[in-house]
């Protein structure tokens, strides 16, 4: 899929990752598993 590196795990970083995945024709992300990443948790429900 890909490898993304960032200085922090902010909302903006994770939105960028999700937009990149969408551009690669990923239809839906059904399950995510994280260790309580604040920025990623905020992206849930974001309509990209």
C-alpha atoms as a PDB file:
ATOM      1  CA  UNK A   1       0.000   0.000   0.000  1.00  0.00           C
ATOM      2  CA  UNK A   2       2.464   2.631   1.081  1.00  0.00           C
ATOM      3  CA  UNK A   3       4.697   4.112   3.731  1.00  0.00           C
ATOM      4  CA  UNK A   4       4.066   7.552   5.169  1.00  0.00           C
ATOM      5  CA  UNK A   5       6.449   9.378   7.485  1.00  0.00           C
ATOM      6  CA  UNK A   6       5.600  12.499   9.413  1.00  0.00           C
ATOM      7  CA  UNK A   7       6.903  14.552  12.308  1.00  0.00           C
ATOM      8  CA  UNK A   8       3.730  13.884  14.268  1.00  0.00           C
ATOM      9  CA  UNK A   9       0.495  11.974  14.003  1.00  0.00           C
ATOM     10  CA  UNK A  10      -1.794  14.960  13.624  1.00  0.00           C
ATOM     11  CA  UNK A  11      -5.236  15.116  12.080  1.00  0.00           C
ATOM     12  CA  UNK A  12      -3.777  16.813   8.981  1.00  0.00           C
ATOM     13  CA  UNK A  13      -1.182  14.047   8.559  1.00  0.00           C
ATOM     14  CA  UNK A  14      -3.779  11.266   8.713  1.00  0.00           C
ATOM     15  CA  UNK A  15      -6.194  13.082   6.395  1.00  0.00           C
ATOM     16  CA  UNK A  16      -3.331  13.305   3.902  1.00  0.00           C
ATOM     17  CA  UNK A  17      -2.737   9.562   4.205  1.00  0.00           C
ATOM     18  CA  UNK A  18      -6.433   8.809   3.701  1.00  0.00           C
ATOM     19  CA  UNK A  19      -6.647  11.128   0.682  1.00  0.00           C
ATOM     20  CA  UNK A  20      -3.626   9.362  -0.816  1.00  0.00           C
ATOM     21  CA  UNK A  21      -5.265   5.972  -0.257  1.00  0.00           C
ATOM     22  CA  UNK A  22      -8.460   7.244  -1.865  1.00  0.00           C
ATOM     23  CA  UNK A  23      -6.448   8.412  -4.890  1.00  0.00           C
ATOM     24  CA  UNK A  24      -5.138   4.837  -5.175  1.00  0.00           C
ATOM     25  CA  UNK A  25      -8.753   3.666  -5.575  1.00  0.00           C
ATOM     26  CA  UNK A  26      -9.241   2.258  -2.078  1.00  0.00           C
ATOM     27  CA  UNK A  27     -13.027   2.124  -1.853  1.00  0.00           C
ATOM     28  CA  UNK A  28     -13.745   1.671   1.831  1.00  0.00           C
ATOM     29  CA  UNK A  29     -11.748   1.188   4.997  1.00  0.00           C
ATOM     30  CA  UNK A  30     -13.865  -1.149   7.067  1.00  0.00           C
ATOM     31  CA  UNK A  31     -11.629  -1.798  10.091  1.00  0.00           C
ATOM     32  CA  UNK A  32      -8.828   0.191  11.674  1.00  0.00           C
ATOM     33  CA  UNK A  33      -6.676  -0.802  14.626  1.00  0.00           C
ATOM     34  CA  UNK A  34      -4.631   1.872  16.383  1.00  0.00           C
ATOM     35  CA  UNK A  35      -3.015   2.489  19.721  1.00  0.00           C
ATOM     36  CA  UNK A  36      -5.221   5.529  20.429  1.00  0.00           C
ATOM     37  CA  UNK A  37      -3.614   7.869  17.914  1.00  0.00           C
ATOM     38  CA  UNK A  38      -5.249  11.213  18.634  1.00  0.00           C
ATOM     39  CA  UNK A  39      -5.016  12.546  15.106  1.00  0.00           C
ATOM     40  CA  UNK A  40      -6.290   9.356  13.534  1.00  0.00           C
ATOM     41  CA  UNK A  41      -9.166   9.053  15.978  1.00  0.00           C
ATOM     42  CA  UNK A  42     -10.300  12.543  14.925  1.00  0.00           C
ATOM     43  CA  UNK A  43     -10.476  11.473  11.268  1.00  0.00           C
ATOM     44  CA  UNK A  44     -13.183   8.870  11.890  1.00  0.00           C
ATOM     45  CA  UNK A  45     -16.322   9.966  10.170  1.00  0.00           C
ATOM     46  CA  UNK A  46     -14.528  12.533   8.011  1.00  0.00           C
ATOM     47  CA  UNK A  47     -16.073  12.624   4.572  1.00  0.00           C
ATOM     48  CA  UNK A  48     -13.173  12.817   2.135  1.00  0.00           C
END
